[in-house]
Amino acid sequence: MSQSHAHDHGHDHDHDHDHDHTPTVTSANERKVLLSFFLIFGFMVVEAVGGVLSGSLALLADAGHMLTDAAALALAYAAFRFGRRAADSKRTFGYLRFEVIAGFLNAVT
């Protein structure tokens, strides 16, 4: 027994399907990600050196974790930079898909 019903799409908010839904990446965002990368990377180096000098496996393990965080930030920064490139005949969406791929890789790792 199948039911069919009419769906009324008459509600009061505006649907503008022609505008761009991609978030805006500003140079301020890029600077923050780059600054975060350098901070995390710097702390990672300090922890790795401290772990080696003190023989602390906990510090070395945390340095390894911070290495993955630094790699994720570096990947995000690279995606921001590539994403700025304009669309061309081969890449009609432009290079914004690099940001999507970078997000996917960060999620997978």
PDB file of N, CA and C in Angstrom:
ATOM      1  N   MET A   1       0.837  -1.159   0.000  1.00  0.00           N
ATOM      2  CA  MET A   1       0.000   0.000   0.000  1.00  0.00           C
ATOM      3  C   MET A   1       0.895   1.239   0.000  1.00  0.00           C
ATOM      4  N   SER A   2       0.814   1.995  -1.040  1.00  0.00           N
ATOM      5  CA  SER A   2       1.662   3.175  -1.082  1.00  0.00           C
ATOM      6  C   SER A   2       0.818   4.415  -0.873  1.00  0.00           C
ATOM      7  N   GLN A   3       1.377   5.335  -0.176  1.00  0.00           N
ATOM      8  CA  GLN A   3       0.694   6.596   0.057  1.00  0.00           C
ATOM      9  C   GLN A   3       1.381   7.659  -0.774  1.00  0.00           C
ATOM     10  N   SER A   4       0.598   8.469  -1.395  1.00  0.00           N
ATOM     11  CA  SER A   4       1.196   9.607  -2.073  1.00  0.00           C
ATOM     12  C   SER A   4       0.583  10.862  -1.474  1.00  0.00           C
ATOM     13  N   HIS A   5       1.381  11.860  -1.389  1.00  0.00           N
ATOM     14  CA  HIS A   5       0.892  13.115  -0.854  1.00  0.00           C
ATOM     15  C   HIS A   5       1.568  14.262  -1.583  1.00  0.00           C
ATOM     16  N   ALA A   6       0.894  15.345  -1.606  1.00  0.00           N
ATOM     17  CA  ALA A   6       1.461  16.534  -2.237  1.00  0.00           C
ATOM     18  C   ALA A   6       2.309  17.260  -1.210  1.00  0.00           C
ATOM     19  N   HIS A   7       3.429  17.764  -1.669  1.00  0.00           N
ATOM     20  CA  HIS A   7       4.327  18.501  -0.779  1.00  0.00           C
ATOM     21  C   HIS A   7       4.276  19.970  -1.157  1.00  0.00           C
ATOM     22  N   ASP A   8       3.807  20.765  -0.257  1.00  0.00           N
ATOM     23  CA  ASP A   8       3.726  22.198  -0.495  1.00  0.00           C
ATOM     24  C   ASP A   8       5.058  22.821  -0.120  1.00  0.00           C
ATOM     25  N   HIS A   9       5.703  23.445  -1.068  1.00  0.00           N
ATOM     26  CA  HIS A   9       7.002  24.079  -0.826  1.00  0.00           C
ATOM     27  C   HIS A   9       6.833  25.575  -0.614  1.00  0.00           C
ATOM     28  N   GLY A  10       5.669  25.968  -0.167  1.00  0.00           N
ATOM     29  CA  GLY A  10       5.388  27.387   0.007  1.00  0.00           C
ATOM     30  C   GLY A  10       5.691  27.857   1.410  1.00  0.00           C
ATOM     31  N   HIS A  11       6.925  28.075   1.713  1.00  0.00           N
ATOM     32  CA  HIS A  11       7.285  28.630   3.005  1.00  0.00           C
ATOM     33  C   HIS A  11       7.966  29.970   2.794  1.00  0.00           C
ATOM     34  N   ASP A  12       8.205  30.667   3.867  1.00  0.00           N
ATOM     35  CA  ASP A  12       8.513  32.085   3.756  1.00  0.00           C
ATOM     36  C   ASP A  12       9.987  32.467   3.709  1.00  0.00           C
ATOM     37  N   HIS A  13      10.897  31.517   3.626  1.00  0.00           N
ATOM     38  CA  HIS A  13      12.277  31.972   3.525  1.00  0.00           C
ATOM     39  C   HIS A  13      12.756  31.888   2.081  1.00  0.00           C
ATOM     40  N   ASP A  14      13.766  32.681   1.787  1.00  0.00           N
ATOM     41  CA  ASP A  14      14.245  32.833   0.422  1.00  0.00           C
ATOM     42  C   ASP A  14      15.226  31.725   0.082  1.00  0.00           C
ATOM     43  N   HIS A  15      15.039  31.128  -1.076  1.00  0.00           N
ATOM     44  CA  HIS A  15      15.986  30.144  -1.602  1.00  0.00           C
ATOM     45  C   HIS A  15      16.711  30.779  -2.762  1.00  0.00           C
ATOM     46  N   ASP A  16      17.944  31.132  -2.579  1.00  0.00           N
ATOM     47  CA  ASP A  16      18.738  31.673  -3.670  1.00  0.00           C
ATOM     48  C   ASP A  16      19.743  30.605  -4.053  1.00  0.00           C
ATOM     49  N   HIS A  17      19.394  29.776  -5.013  1.00  0.00           N
ATOM     50  CA  HIS A  17      20.242  28.658  -5.399  1.00  0.00           C
ATOM     51  C   HIS A  17      21.384  29.082  -6.310  1.00  0.00           C
ATOM     52  N   ASP A  18      21.428  30.341  -6.692  1.00  0.00           N
ATOM     53  CA  ASP A  18      22.451  30.787  -7.622  1.00  0.00           C
ATOM     54  C   ASP A  18      23.687  31.366  -6.941  1.00  0.00           C
ATOM     55  N   HIS A  19      23.626  31.630  -5.639  1.00  0.00           N
ATOM     56  CA  HIS A  19      24.799  32.222  -5.006  1.00  0.00           C
ATOM     57  C   HIS A  19      25.739  31.136  -4.493  1.00  0.00           C
ATOM     58  N   ASP A  20      26.946  31.537  -4.217  1.00  0.00           N
ATOM     59  CA  ASP A  20      28.016  30.627  -3.809  1.00  0.00           C
ATOM     60  C   ASP A  20      27.895  30.309  -2.322  1.00  0.00           C
ATOM     61  N   HIS A  21      27.908  29.026  -1.953  1.00  0.00           N
ATOM     62  CA  HIS A  21      27.787  28.614  -0.560  1.00  0.00           C
ATOM     63  C   HIS A  21      29.133  28.274   0.076  1.00  0.00           C
ATOM     64  N   THR A  22      30.218  28.528  -0.630  1.00  0.00           N
ATOM     65  CA  THR A  22      31.519  28.199  -0.063  1.00  0.00           C
ATOM     66  C   THR A  22      31.912  29.243   0.970  1.00  0.00           C
ATOM     67  N   PRO A  23      32.509  28.806   2.084  1.00  0.00           N
ATOM     68  CA  PRO A  23      32.927  29.778   3.092  1.00  0.00           C
ATOM     69  C   PRO A  23      34.069  30.641   2.558  1.00  0.00           C
ATOM     70  N   THR A  24      34.131  31.837   3.052  1.00  0.00           N
ATOM     71  CA  THR A  24      35.168  32.759   2.621  1.00  0.00           C
ATOM     72  C   THR A  24      36.422  32.553   3.457  1.00  0.00           C
ATOM     73  N   VAL A  25      37.530  32.344   2.774  1.00  0.00           N
ATOM     74  CA  VAL A  25      38.816  32.228   3.444  1.00  0.00           C
ATOM     75  C   VAL A  25      39.537  33.546   3.236  1.00  0.00           C
ATOM     76  N   THR A  26      39.839  34.205   4.321  1.00  0.00           N
ATOM     77  CA  THR A  26      40.515  35.499   4.223  1.00  0.00           C
ATOM     78  C   THR A  26      41.996  35.330   4.532  1.00  0.00           C
ATOM     79  N   SER A  27      42.752  36.366   4.249  1.00  0.00           N
ATOM     80  CA  SER A  27      44.181  36.314   4.577  1.00  0.00           C
ATOM     81  C   SER A  27      44.374  36.248   6.093  1.00  0.00           C
ATOM     82  N   ALA A  28      43.424  36.790   6.854  1.00  0.00           N
ATOM     83  CA  ALA A  28      43.499  36.697   8.317  1.00  0.00           C
ATOM     84  C   ALA A  28      43.363  35.248   8.766  1.00  0.00           C
ATOM     85  N   ASN A  29      42.452  34.481   8.127  1.00  0.00           N
ATOM     86  CA  ASN A  29      42.318  33.059   8.440  1.00  0.00           C
ATOM     87  C   ASN A  29      43.623  32.327   8.136  1.00  0.00           C
ATOM     88  N   GLU A  30      44.183  32.621   6.980  1.00  0.00           N
ATOM     89  CA  GLU A  30      45.429  31.961   6.577  1.00  0.00           C
ATOM     90  C   GLU A  30      46.548  32.262   7.573  1.00  0.00           C
ATOM     91  N   ARG A  31      46.638  33.521   7.992  1.00  0.00           N
ATOM     92  CA  ARG A  31      47.682  33.892   8.965  1.00  0.00           C
ATOM     93  C   ARG A  31      47.497  33.152  10.279  1.00  0.00           C
ATOM     94  N   LYS A  32      46.248  33.015  10.724  1.00  0.00           N
ATOM     95  CA  LYS A  32      45.986  32.310  11.987  1.00  0.00           C
ATOM     96  C   LYS A  32      46.377  30.841  11.890  1.00  0.00           C
ATOM     97  N   VAL A  33      46.060  30.217  10.767  1.00  0.00           N
ATOM     98  CA  VAL A  33      46.431  28.809  10.585  1.00  0.00           C
ATOM     99  C   VAL A  33      47.940  28.676  10.522  1.00  0.00           C
ATOM    100  N   LEU A  34      48.612  29.586   9.822  1.00  0.00           N
ATOM    101  CA  LEU A  34      50.070  29.531   9.729  1.00  0.00           C
ATOM    102  C   LEU A  34      50.720  29.784  11.090  1.00  0.00           C
ATOM    103  N   LEU A  35      50.211  30.743  11.847  1.00  0.00           N
ATOM    104  CA  LEU A  35      50.727  31.003  13.189  1.00  0.00           C
ATOM    105  C   LEU A  35      50.524  29.782  14.082  1.00  0.00           C
ATOM    106  N   SER A  36      49.350  29.172  13.990  1.00  0.00           N
ATOM    107  CA  SER A  36      49.078  27.967  14.775  1.00  0.00           C
ATOM    108  C   SER A  36      50.035  26.856  14.404  1.00  0.00           C
ATOM    109  N   PHE A  37      50.324  26.716  13.112  1.00  0.00           N
ATOM    110  CA  PHE A  37      51.277  25.696  12.668  1.00  0.00           C
ATOM    111  C   PHE A  37      52.634  25.917  13.326  1.00  0.00           C
ATOM    112  N   PHE A  38      53.137  27.153  13.260  1.00  0.00           N
ATOM    113  CA  PHE A  38      54.469  27.423  13.827  1.00  0.00           C
ATOM    114  C   PHE A  38      54.498  27.222  15.341  1.00  0.00           C
ATOM    115  N   LEU A  39      53.432  27.605  16.025  1.00  0.00           N
ATOM    116  CA  LEU A  39      53.376  27.382  17.476  1.00  0.00           C
ATOM    117  C   LEU A  39      53.389  25.888  17.810  1.00  0.00           C
ATOM    118  N   ILE A  40      52.520  25.130  17.155  1.00  0.00           N
ATOM    119  CA  ILE A  40      52.444  23.689  17.410  1.00  0.00           C
ATOM    120  C   ILE A  40      53.761  23.015  17.040  1.00  0.00           C
ATOM    121  N   PHE A  41      54.314  23.381  15.892  1.00  0.00           N
ATOM    122  CA  PHE A  41      55.581  22.785  15.453  1.00  0.00           C
ATOM    123  C   PHE A  41      56.703  23.106  16.431  1.00  0.00           C
ATOM    124  N   GLY A  42      56.738  24.357  16.915  1.00  0.00           N
ATOM    125  CA  GLY A  42      57.767  24.750  17.886  1.00  0.00           C
ATOM    126  C   GLY A  42      57.657  23.965  19.182  1.00  0.00           C
ATOM    127  N   PHE A  43      56.430  23.843  19.710  1.00  0.00           N
ATOM    128  CA  PHE A  43      56.234  23.049  20.927  1.00  0.00           C
ATOM    129  C   PHE A  43      56.585  21.586  20.690  1.00  0.00           C
ATOM    130  N   MET A  44      56.295  21.086  19.489  1.00  0.00           N
ATOM    131  CA  MET A  44      56.632  19.701  19.160  1.00  0.00           C
ATOM    132  C   MET A  44      58.141  19.478  19.227  1.00  0.00           C
ATOM    133  N   VAL A  45      58.899  20.407  18.674  1.00  0.00           N
ATOM    134  CA  VAL A  45      60.358  20.284  18.696  1.00  0.00           C
ATOM    135  C   VAL A  45      60.867  20.303  20.137  1.00  0.00           C
ATOM    136  N   VAL A  46      60.333  21.220  20.934  1.00  0.00           N
ATOM    137  CA  VAL A  46      60.754  21.306  22.340  1.00  0.00           C
ATOM    138  C   VAL A  46      60.429  20.014  23.074  1.00  0.00           C
ATOM    139  N   GLU A  47      59.228  19.472  22.850  1.00  0.00           N
ATOM    140  CA  GLU A  47      58.857  18.215  23.508  1.00  0.00           C
ATOM    141  C   GLU A  47      59.719  17.056  23.042  1.00  0.00           C
ATOM    142  N   ALA A  48      60.018  17.007  21.754  1.00  0.00           N
ATOM    143  CA  ALA A  48      60.850  15.915  21.241  1.00  0.00           C
ATOM    144  C   ALA A  48      62.250  15.980  21.841  1.00  0.00           C
ATOM    145  N   VAL A  49      62.826  17.168  21.881  1.00  0.00           N
ATOM    146  CA  VAL A  49      64.158  17.327  22.472  1.00  0.00           C
ATOM    147  C   VAL A  49      64.116  16.985  23.959  1.00  0.00           C
ATOM    148  N   GLY A  50      63.107  17.503  24.656  1.00  0.00           N
ATOM    149  CA  GLY A  50      62.959  17.193  26.080  1.00  0.00           C
ATOM    150  C   GLY A  50      62.756  15.706  26.319  1.00  0.00           C
ATOM    151  N   GLY A  51      61.988  15.059  25.465  1.00  0.00           N
ATOM    152  CA  GLY A  51      61.759  13.623  25.601  1.00  0.00           C
ATOM    153  C   GLY A  51      63.016  12.811  25.397  1.00  0.00           C
ATOM    154  N   VAL A  52      63.822  13.206  24.411  1.00  0.00           N
ATOM    155  CA  VAL A  52      65.079  12.494  24.154  1.00  0.00           C
ATOM    156  C   VAL A  52      66.061  12.712  25.309  1.00  0.00           C
ATOM    157  N   LEU A  53      66.195  13.976  25.744  1.00  0.00           N
ATOM    158  CA  LEU A  53      67.152  14.276  26.814  1.00  0.00           C
ATOM    159  C   LEU A  53      66.764  13.640  28.150  1.00  0.00           C
ATOM    160  N   SER A  54      65.476  13.586  28.430  1.00  0.00           N
ATOM    161  CA  SER A  54      65.038  13.049  29.718  1.00  0.00           C
ATOM    162  C   SER A  54      64.666  11.570  29.646  1.00  0.00           C
ATOM    163  N   GLY A  55      64.601  11.031  28.445  1.00  0.00           N
ATOM    164  CA  GLY A  55      64.191   9.646  28.299  1.00  0.00           C
ATOM    165  C   GLY A  55      62.704   9.448  28.559  1.00  0.00           C
ATOM    166  N   SER A  56      61.915  10.500  28.369  1.00  0.00           N
ATOM    167  CA  SER A  56      60.480  10.436  28.659  1.00  0.00           C
ATOM    168  C   SER A  56      59.702   9.993  27.431  1.00  0.00           C
ATOM    169  N   LEU A  57      59.135   8.805  27.515  1.00  0.00           N
ATOM    170  CA  LEU A  57      58.311   8.295  26.431  1.00  0.00           C
ATOM    171  C   LEU A  57      57.023   9.107  26.299  1.00  0.00           C
ATOM    172  N   ALA A  58      56.530   9.644  27.404  1.00  0.00           N
ATOM    173  CA  ALA A  58      55.314  10.460  27.370  1.00  0.00           C
ATOM    174  C   ALA A  58      55.537  11.726  26.544  1.00  0.00           C
ATOM    175  N   LEU A  59      56.683  12.382  26.742  1.00  0.00           N
ATOM    176  CA  LEU A  59      56.979  13.579  25.956  1.00  0.00           C
ATOM    177  C   LEU A  59      57.157  13.236  24.482  1.00  0.00           C
ATOM    178  N   LEU A  60      57.821  12.127  24.207  1.00  0.00           N
ATOM    179  CA  LEU A  60      58.010  11.725  22.813  1.00  0.00           C
ATOM    180  C   LEU A  60      56.672  11.370  22.153  1.00  0.00           C
ATOM    181  N   ALA A  61      55.804  10.706  22.896  1.00  0.00           N
ATOM    182  CA  ALA A  61      54.491  10.358  22.354  1.00  0.00           C
ATOM    183  C   ALA A  61      53.676  11.619  22.070  1.00  0.00           C
ATOM    184  N   ASP A  62      53.729  12.582  22.982  1.00  0.00           N
ATOM    185  CA  ASP A  62      52.998  13.819  22.752  1.00  0.00           C
ATOM    186  C   ASP A  62      53.603  14.598  21.595  1.00  0.00           C
ATOM    187  N   ALA A  63      54.914  14.547  21.435  1.00  0.00           N
ATOM    188  CA  ALA A  63      55.556  15.200  20.292  1.00  0.00           C
ATOM    189  C   ALA A  63      55.071  14.561  18.990  1.00  0.00           C
ATOM    190  N   GLY A  64      54.896  13.250  18.985  1.00  0.00           N
ATOM    191  CA  GLY A  64      54.357  12.573  17.806  1.00  0.00           C
ATOM    192  C   GLY A  64      52.936  13.009  17.498  1.00  0.00           C
ATOM    193  N   HIS A  65      52.149  13.162  18.556  1.00  0.00           N
ATOM    194  CA  HIS A  65      50.779  13.644  18.382  1.00  0.00           C
ATOM    195  C   HIS A  65      50.784  15.062  17.834  1.00  0.00           C
ATOM    196  N   MET A  66      51.667  15.888  18.341  1.00  0.00           N
ATOM    197  CA  MET A  66      51.746  17.273  17.864  1.00  0.00           C
ATOM    198  C   MET A  66      52.254  17.338  16.427  1.00  0.00           C
ATOM    199  N   LEU A  67      53.042  16.333  16.029  1.00  0.00           N
ATOM    200  CA  LEU A  67      53.488  16.260  14.639  1.00  0.00           C
ATOM    201  C   LEU A  67      52.278  16.077  13.716  1.00  0.00           C
ATOM    202  N   THR A  68      51.341  15.227  14.109  1.00  0.00           N
ATOM    203  CA  THR A  68      50.138  15.040  13.285  1.00  0.00           C
ATOM    204  C   THR A  68      49.290  16.312  13.264  1.00  0.00           C
ATOM    205  N   ASP A  69      49.224  17.022  14.395  1.00  0.00           N
ATOM    206  CA  ASP A  69      48.494  18.297  14.425  1.00  0.00           C
ATOM    207  C   ASP A  69      49.156  19.321  13.503  1.00  0.00           C
ATOM    208  N   ALA A  70      50.480  19.387  13.547  1.00  0.00           N
ATOM    209  CA  ALA A  70      51.206  20.330  12.691  1.00  0.00           C
ATOM    210  C   ALA A  70      51.009  19.972  11.217  1.00  0.00           C
ATOM    211  N   ALA A  71      51.016  18.685  10.904  1.00  0.00           N
ATOM    212  CA  ALA A  71      50.797  18.256   9.521  1.00  0.00           C
ATOM    213  C   ALA A  71      49.392  18.642   9.052  1.00  0.00           C
ATOM    214  N   ALA A  72      48.400  18.495   9.924  1.00  0.00           N
ATOM    215  CA  ALA A  72      47.031  18.870   9.572  1.00  0.00           C
ATOM    216  C   ALA A  72      46.933  20.372   9.308  1.00  0.00           C
ATOM    217  N   LEU A  73      47.593  21.169  10.130  1.00  0.00           N
ATOM    218  CA  LEU A  73      47.574  22.620   9.924  1.00  0.00           C
ATOM    219  C   LEU A  73      48.316  23.003   8.646  1.00  0.00           C
ATOM    220  N   ALA A  74      49.422  22.332   8.360  1.00  0.00           N
ATOM    221  CA  ALA A  74      50.167  22.604   7.125  1.00  0.00           C
ATOM    222  C   ALA A  74      49.319  22.248   5.907  1.00  0.00           C
ATOM    223  N   LEU A  75      48.611  21.137   5.990  1.00  0.00           N
ATOM    224  CA  LEU A  75      47.734  20.725   4.899  1.00  0.00           C
ATOM    225  C   LEU A  75      46.598  21.740   4.706  1.00  0.00           C
ATOM    226  N   ALA A  76      46.029  22.216   5.798  1.00  0.00           N
ATOM    227  CA  ALA A  76      44.960  23.215   5.712  1.00  0.00           C
ATOM    228  C   ALA A  76      45.482  24.506   5.084  1.00  0.00           C
ATOM    229  N   TYR A  77      46.669  24.936   5.483  1.00  0.00           N
ATOM    230  CA  TYR A  77      47.252  26.155   4.925  1.00  0.00           C
ATOM    231  C   TYR A  77      47.507  25.998   3.425  1.00  0.00           C
ATOM    232  N   ALA A  78      48.054  24.854   3.040  1.00  0.00           N
ATOM    233  CA  ALA A  78      48.306  24.604   1.615  1.00  0.00           C
ATOM    234  C   ALA A  78      46.997  24.602   0.837  1.00  0.00           C
ATOM    235  N   ALA A  79      45.950  24.021   1.417  1.00  0.00           N
ATOM    236  CA  ALA A  79      44.648  23.997   0.743  1.00  0.00           C
ATOM    237  C   ALA A  79      44.090  25.408   0.590  1.00  0.00           C
ATOM    238  N   PHE A  80      44.258  26.246   1.610  1.00  0.00           N
ATOM    239  CA  PHE A  80      43.821  27.639   1.501  1.00  0.00           C
ATOM    240  C   PHE A  80      44.530  28.325   0.340  1.00  0.00           C
ATOM    241  N   ARG A  81      45.839  28.120   0.263  1.00  0.00           N
ATOM    242  CA  ARG A  81      46.627  28.773  -0.786  1.00  0.00           C
ATOM    243  C   ARG A  81      46.217  28.286  -2.173  1.00  0.00           C
ATOM    244  N   PHE A  82      46.082  26.968  -2.336  1.00  0.00           N
ATOM    245  CA  PHE A  82      45.656  26.426  -3.625  1.00  0.00           C
ATOM    246  C   PHE A  82      44.222  26.841  -3.949  1.00  0.00           C
ATOM    247  N   GLY A  83      43.378  26.905  -2.940  1.00  0.00           N
ATOM    248  CA  GLY A  83      41.976  27.235  -3.142  1.00  0.00           C
ATOM    249  C   GLY A  83      41.746  28.632  -3.675  1.00  0.00           C
ATOM    250  N   ARG A  84      42.716  29.491  -3.546  1.00  0.00           N
ATOM    251  CA  ARG A  84      42.593  30.865  -4.042  1.00  0.00           C
ATOM    252  C   ARG A  84      42.691  30.959  -5.556  1.00  0.00           C
ATOM    253  N   ARG A  85      43.254  29.931  -6.171  1.00  0.00           N
ATOM    254  CA  ARG A  85      43.438  29.992  -7.624  1.00  0.00           C
ATOM    255  C   ARG A  85      42.089  30.016  -8.338  1.00  0.00           C
ATOM    256  N   ALA A  86      42.035  30.743  -9.412  1.00  0.00           N
ATOM    257  CA  ALA A  86      40.783  30.915 -10.151  1.00  0.00           C
ATOM    258  C   ALA A  86      40.441  29.665 -10.968  1.00  0.00           C
ATOM    259  N   ALA A  87      39.172  29.554 -11.294  1.00  0.00           N
ATOM    260  CA  ALA A  87      38.709  28.463 -12.148  1.00  0.00           C
ATOM    261  C   ALA A  87      39.288  28.634 -13.546  1.00  0.00           C
ATOM    262  N   ASP A  88      39.448  27.520 -14.239  1.00  0.00           N
ATOM    263  CA  ASP A  88      39.878  27.555 -15.631  1.00  0.00           C
ATOM    264  C   ASP A  88      39.047  26.538 -16.410  1.00  0.00           C
ATOM    265  N   SER A  89      39.395  26.306 -17.658  1.00  0.00           N
ATOM    266  CA  SER A  89      38.579  25.409 -18.485  1.00  0.00           C
ATOM    267  C   SER A  89      38.611  23.964 -17.996  1.00  0.00           C
ATOM    268  N   LYS A  90      39.691  23.566 -17.335  1.00  0.00           N
ATOM    269  CA  LYS A  90      39.793  22.196 -16.808  1.00  0.00           C
ATOM    270  C   LYS A  90      39.183  22.062 -15.419  1.00  0.00           C
ATOM    271  N   ARG A  91      39.247  23.106 -14.647  1.00  0.00           N
ATOM    272  CA  ARG A  91      38.781  23.085 -13.256  1.00  0.00           C
ATOM    273  C   ARG A  91      37.698  24.129 -13.083  1.00  0.00           C
ATOM    274  N   THR A  92      36.486  23.781 -13.507  1.00  0.00           N
ATOM    275  CA  THR A  92      35.394  24.753 -13.493  1.00  0.00           C
ATOM    276  C   THR A  92      35.012  25.166 -12.076  1.00  0.00           C
ATOM    277  N   PHE A  93      35.309  24.324 -11.093  1.00  0.00           N
ATOM    278  CA  PHE A  93      35.058  24.659  -9.694  1.00  0.00           C
ATOM    279  C   PHE A  93      36.254  25.399  -9.111  1.00  0.00           C
ATOM    280  N   GLY A  94      37.274  25.610  -9.929  1.00  0.00           N
ATOM    281  CA  GLY A  94      38.506  26.220  -9.440  1.00  0.00           C
ATOM    282  C   GLY A  94      39.309  25.206  -8.656  1.00  0.00           C
ATOM    283  N   TYR A  95      40.081  25.678  -7.754  1.00  0.00           N
ATOM    284  CA  TYR A  95      40.916  24.796  -6.941  1.00  0.00           C
ATOM    285  C   TYR A  95      40.333  24.591  -5.551  1.00  0.00           C
ATOM    286  N   LEU A  96      39.080  25.000  -5.350  1.00  0.00           N
ATOM    287  CA  LEU A  96      38.456  24.853  -4.035  1.00  0.00           C
ATOM    288  C   LEU A  96      38.346  23.405  -3.603  1.00  0.00           C
ATOM    289  N   ARG A  97      38.356  22.474  -4.560  1.00  0.00           N
ATOM    290  CA  ARG A  97      38.256  21.068  -4.160  1.00  0.00           C
ATOM    291  C   ARG A  97      39.471  20.640  -3.342  1.00  0.00           C
ATOM    292  N   PHE A  98      40.595  21.351  -3.451  1.00  0.00           N
ATOM    293  CA  PHE A  98      41.746  21.028  -2.599  1.00  0.00           C
ATOM    294  C   PHE A  98      41.390  21.201  -1.127  1.00  0.00           C
ATOM    295  N   GLU A  99      40.560  22.208  -0.835  1.00  0.00           N
ATOM    296  CA  GLU A  99      40.129  22.393   0.552  1.00  0.00           C
ATOM    297  C   GLU A  99      39.267  21.222   1.005  1.00  0.00           C
ATOM    298  N   VAL A 100      38.423  20.724   0.124  1.00  0.00           N
ATOM    299  CA  VAL A 100      37.580  19.574   0.447  1.00  0.00           C
ATOM    300  C   VAL A 100      38.439  18.331   0.646  1.00  0.00           C
ATOM    301  N   ILE A 101      39.393  18.120  -0.259  1.00  0.00           N
ATOM    302  CA  ILE A 101      40.284  16.955  -0.148  1.00  0.00           C
ATOM    303  C   ILE A 101      41.132  17.044   1.114  1.00  0.00           C
ATOM    304  N   ALA A 102      41.624  18.235   1.435  1.00  0.00           N
ATOM    305  CA  ALA A 102      42.422  18.407   2.648  1.00  0.00           C
ATOM    306  C   ALA A 102      41.583  18.090   3.885  1.00  0.00           C
ATOM    307  N   GLY A 103      40.338  18.555   3.909  1.00  0.00           N
ATOM    308  CA  GLY A 103      39.446  18.242   5.027  1.00  0.00           C
ATOM    309  C   GLY A 103      39.207  16.745   5.133  1.00  0.00           C
ATOM    310  N   PHE A 104      39.029  16.095   4.000  1.00  0.00           N
ATOM    311  CA  PHE A 104      38.826  14.645   3.980  1.00  0.00           C
ATOM    312  C   PHE A 104      40.068  13.918   4.519  1.00  0.00           C
ATOM    313  N   LEU A 105      41.238  14.326   4.042  1.00  0.00           N
ATOM    314  CA  LEU A 105      42.481  13.689   4.518  1.00  0.00           C
ATOM    315  C   LEU A 105      42.689  13.897   6.012  1.00  0.00           C
ATOM    316  N   ASN A 106      42.379  15.092   6.492  1.00  0.00           N
ATOM    317  CA  ASN A 106      42.500  15.342   7.926  1.00  0.00           C
ATOM    318  C   ASN A 106      41.543  14.461   8.709  1.00  0.00           C
ATOM    319  N   ALA A 107      40.340  14.277   8.193  1.00  0.00           N
ATOM    320  CA  ALA A 107      39.354  13.430   8.885  1.00  0.00           C
ATOM    321  C   ALA A 107      39.791  11.968   8.881  1.00  0.00           C
ATOM    322  N   VAL A 108      40.326  11.512   7.762  1.00  0.00           N
ATOM    323  CA  VAL A 108      40.749  10.115   7.652  1.00  0.00           C
ATOM    324  C   VAL A 108      41.943   9.835   8.564  1.00  0.00           C
ATOM    325  N   THR A 109      42.885  10.765   8.616  1.00  0.00           N
ATOM    326  CA  THR A 109      44.067  10.529   9.451  1.00  0.00           C
ATOM    327  C   THR A 109      43.762  10.770  10.905  1.00  0.00           C
TER     328      THR A 109
END
